[in-house]
Amino acid sequence: MDCQGDSVKDFKLNFLAYKVGAYKVKLTFLNETSGEFLPFILTVNATEGDLLETIELASPIRESVSRIVTIENPTDAEVVINRS
């Protein structure tokens, strides 16, 4: 990433937390040619995700019930989901 002196450049940082809580992250930008570096300490607060939908299933005793659930993959990577 190139950034001229006395200028500003936006940088996208992705963070994935598996548990709710506060996380401290050290982020360092390094100029590999000159060896100059600029460290940042970030505090990220991971909160509970929003509930998208509740699916209710009801069935008489000893009868099965089913519903199709569509899951969208927002990435370019293939995801394999195993049924259990």
C-alpha atoms as a PDB file:
ATOM      1  CA  MET A   1       0.000   0.000   0.000  1.00  0.00           C
ATOM      2  CA  ASP A   2       1.501   3.329  -1.054  1.00  0.00           C
ATOM      3  CA  CYS A   3       0.782   6.488   0.912  1.00  0.00           C
ATOM      4  CA  GLN A   4       2.619   9.728   0.147  1.00  0.00           C
ATOM      5  CA  GLY A   5       3.883  11.969   2.959  1.00  0.00           C
ATOM      6  CA  ASP A   6       1.298  14.215   4.650  1.00  0.00           C
ATOM      7  CA  SER A   7      -1.557  12.287   3.057  1.00  0.00           C
ATOM      8  CA  VAL A   8      -4.325   9.970   4.211  1.00  0.00           C
ATOM      9  CA  LYS A   9      -5.283   6.560   2.858  1.00  0.00           C
ATOM     10  CA  ASP A  10      -8.147   4.337   3.947  1.00  0.00           C
ATOM     11  CA  PHE A  11      -7.240   0.782   4.918  1.00  0.00           C
ATOM     12  CA  LYS A  12      -9.785  -2.019   5.266  1.00  0.00           C
ATOM     13  CA  LEU A  13      -9.218  -4.276   8.274  1.00  0.00           C
ATOM     14  CA  ASN A  14     -11.283  -7.445   8.734  1.00  0.00           C
ATOM     15  CA  PHE A  15     -11.626  -8.901  12.211  1.00  0.00           C
ATOM     16  CA  LEU A  16     -13.378 -12.155  13.102  1.00  0.00           C
ATOM     17  CA  ALA A  17     -14.129 -12.997  16.730  1.00  0.00           C
ATOM     18  CA  TYR A  18     -15.413 -16.395  17.802  1.00  0.00           C
ATOM     19  CA  LYS A  19     -16.496 -15.197  21.249  1.00  0.00           C
ATOM     20  CA  VAL A  20     -18.045 -12.034  22.669  1.00  0.00           C
ATOM     21  CA  GLY A  21     -15.532  -9.796  24.447  1.00  0.00           C
ATOM     22  CA  ALA A  22     -12.904  -7.086  24.155  1.00  0.00           C
ATOM     23  CA  TYR A  23      -9.799  -7.865  22.111  1.00  0.00           C
ATOM     24  CA  LYS A  24      -6.542  -5.932  21.857  1.00  0.00           C
ATOM     25  CA  VAL A  25      -4.833  -6.115  18.488  1.00  0.00           C
ATOM     26  CA  LYS A  26      -1.418  -4.759  17.510  1.00  0.00           C
ATOM     27  CA  LEU A  27      -1.321  -3.563  13.913  1.00  0.00           C
ATOM     28  CA  THR A  28       2.038  -2.533  12.426  1.00  0.00           C
ATOM     29  CA  PHE A  29       2.577  -0.878   9.052  1.00  0.00           C
ATOM     30  CA  LEU A  30       6.113  -1.565   7.804  1.00  0.00           C
ATOM     31  CA  ASN A  31       8.113  -0.013   4.986  1.00  0.00           C
ATOM     32  CA  GLU A  32      10.237  -2.993   3.962  1.00  0.00           C
ATOM     33  CA  THR A  33      12.653  -0.794   2.006  1.00  0.00           C
ATOM     34  CA  SER A  34      13.558   1.712   4.726  1.00  0.00           C
ATOM     35  CA  GLY A  35      12.628  -0.346   7.786  1.00  0.00           C
ATOM     36  CA  GLU A  36      10.343   2.411   9.068  1.00  0.00           C
ATOM     37  CA  PHE A  37       7.272   1.211  10.912  1.00  0.00           C
ATOM     38  CA  LEU A  38       4.159   2.679  12.486  1.00  0.00           C
ATOM     39  CA  PRO A  39       2.467   0.587  15.210  1.00  0.00           C
ATOM     40  CA  PHE A  40      -1.148   0.912  16.337  1.00  0.00           C
ATOM     41  CA  ILE A  41      -2.881  -0.729  19.303  1.00  0.00           C
ATOM     42  CA  LEU A  42      -6.555  -1.362  18.538  1.00  0.00           C
ATOM     43  CA  THR A  43      -9.253  -2.346  21.000  1.00  0.00           C
ATOM     44  CA  VAL A  44     -12.112  -4.220  19.331  1.00  0.00           C
ATOM     45  CA  ASN A  45     -15.344  -4.954  21.169  1.00  0.00           C
ATOM     46  CA  ALA A  46     -17.104  -8.023  19.761  1.00  0.00           C
ATOM     47  CA  THR A  47     -20.814  -8.133  20.586  1.00  0.00           C
ATOM     48  CA  GLU A  48     -23.600 -10.647  20.078  1.00  0.00           C
ATOM     49  CA  GLY A  49     -24.850 -10.867  16.507  1.00  0.00           C
ATOM     50  CA  ASP A  50     -28.372  -9.875  15.554  1.00  0.00           C
ATOM     51  CA  LEU A  51     -31.003 -12.604  15.297  1.00  0.00           C
ATOM     52  CA  LEU A  52     -31.966 -12.905  11.644  1.00  0.00           C
ATOM     53  CA  GLU A  53     -34.917 -15.239  11.911  1.00  0.00           C
ATOM     54  CA  THR A  54     -36.509 -17.809  14.191  1.00  0.00           C
ATOM     55  CA  ILE A  55     -37.755 -20.972  12.520  1.00  0.00           C
ATOM     56  CA  GLU A  56     -40.496 -22.746  14.424  1.00  0.00           C
ATOM     57  CA  LEU A  57     -41.247 -26.378  13.669  1.00  0.00           C
ATOM     58  CA  ALA A  58     -44.276 -28.182  15.093  1.00  0.00           C
ATOM     59  CA  SER A  59     -45.384 -31.738  14.440  1.00  0.00           C
ATOM     60  CA  PRO A  60     -47.766 -34.309  15.860  1.00  0.00           C
ATOM     61  CA  ILE A  61     -46.122 -37.096  17.827  1.00  0.00           C
ATOM     62  CA  ARG A  62     -44.245 -39.636  15.667  1.00  0.00           C
ATOM     63  CA  GLU A  63     -44.536 -37.552  12.490  1.00  0.00           C
ATOM     64  CA  SER A  64     -41.664 -35.710  10.908  1.00  0.00           C
ATOM     65  CA  VAL A  65     -41.580 -32.084   9.872  1.00  0.00           C
ATOM     66  CA  SER A  66     -39.137 -30.315   7.577  1.00  0.00           C
ATOM     67  CA  ARG A  67     -38.338 -26.877   6.220  1.00  0.00           C
ATOM     68  CA  ILE A  68     -35.884 -25.731   3.568  1.00  0.00           C
ATOM     69  CA  VAL A  69     -33.287 -23.292   4.907  1.00  0.00           C
ATOM     70  CA  THR A  70     -31.315 -21.296   2.350  1.00  0.00           C
ATOM     71  CA  ILE A  71     -27.777 -20.309   3.367  1.00  0.00           C
ATOM     72  CA  GLU A  72     -25.961 -17.738   1.236  1.00  0.00           C
ATOM     73  CA  ASN A  73     -22.170 -17.768   0.976  1.00  0.00           C
ATOM     74  CA  PRO A  74     -20.914 -14.159   0.753  1.00  0.00           C
ATOM     75  CA  THR A  75     -17.371 -15.246  -0.139  1.00  0.00           C
ATOM     76  CA  ASP A  76     -15.732 -16.556  -3.299  1.00  0.00           C
ATOM     77  CA  ALA A  77     -14.493 -19.667  -1.472  1.00  0.00           C
ATOM     78  CA  GLU A  78     -16.401 -22.930  -1.653  1.00  0.00           C
ATOM     79  CA  VAL A  79     -17.895 -24.036   1.660  1.00  0.00           C
ATOM     80  CA  VAL A  80     -18.826 -27.652   2.442  1.00  0.00           C
ATOM     81  CA  ILE A  81     -21.548 -28.226   5.035  1.00  0.00           C
ATOM     82  CA  ASN A  82     -21.863 -31.750   6.399  1.00  0.00           C
ATOM     83  CA  ARG A  83     -25.205 -32.977   7.717  1.00  0.00           C
ATOM     84  CA  SER A  84     -25.132 -34.728  11.048  1.00  0.00           C
END
